């Protein structure tokens, strides 16, 4: 579903991403770990076509994102650290608006409210302005938009940063629900615990390179922390 082939990005002679080869299949929750500047956000931005690669390819469902940017954006949803919603609109109005932009504006009010139920948002919140929402609630609206859009790919950049443990756990459960429906999820994160809990695979990045990759069902929390620190200290 998501594939990076020898994907590289240079900025003014500095290498931000170096020959990345990566595959995320439907149902995968692939977590990219690494320090600031490791290349995690650059990877996400290349798949979003926010920046163009210096070399290599970023493919979504076999389509090159630089050649067919509109087509690939129809397939994905993006949730950054701070979800960009219209603060003066209600949660329901945001869901209706972003769904219509994706060509999915055919839902009834009742069906839109069902998406709120599915992500664990109270129906009473649907008609409140987003400016009154907590960060966790805004993240849930982002997931609701992904569901309404019927996104096949979900790209996440530090989505649990600043969330309390309960909200982080709820977010992980939503990711598991989406992956269970066949969505391919790529998440950049600093949160080792959340990567183990929500991820099916983990990749560790350092200086723009993928230096280690493993399945989360093969390791425990302590193992992941040890392997991560070993790679950071090399």
Foldseek 3Di string as FASTA:
>chain_A
DKWWALFWADDPNATLAGGDTDDFFFLFAEEEAEDPSLNQVVVLCCLLVVDDTPDTAIDDVNHGCVVCVVVSVLQEAEAEQQRDFDQAFALQVRLLVLLVVSVLNPDDSVVLVVLCVVLVHDSVRRRPGNVPDDLLVSVSSSLSSCVSSVHQEYEYEANCVPPDPVSLVSVLVSLNVNSVVGRGYYYYHNDLVSCLSRGQKYFYGGSNYGDDIDGSVVDDSVVSVVVNVVVVVD
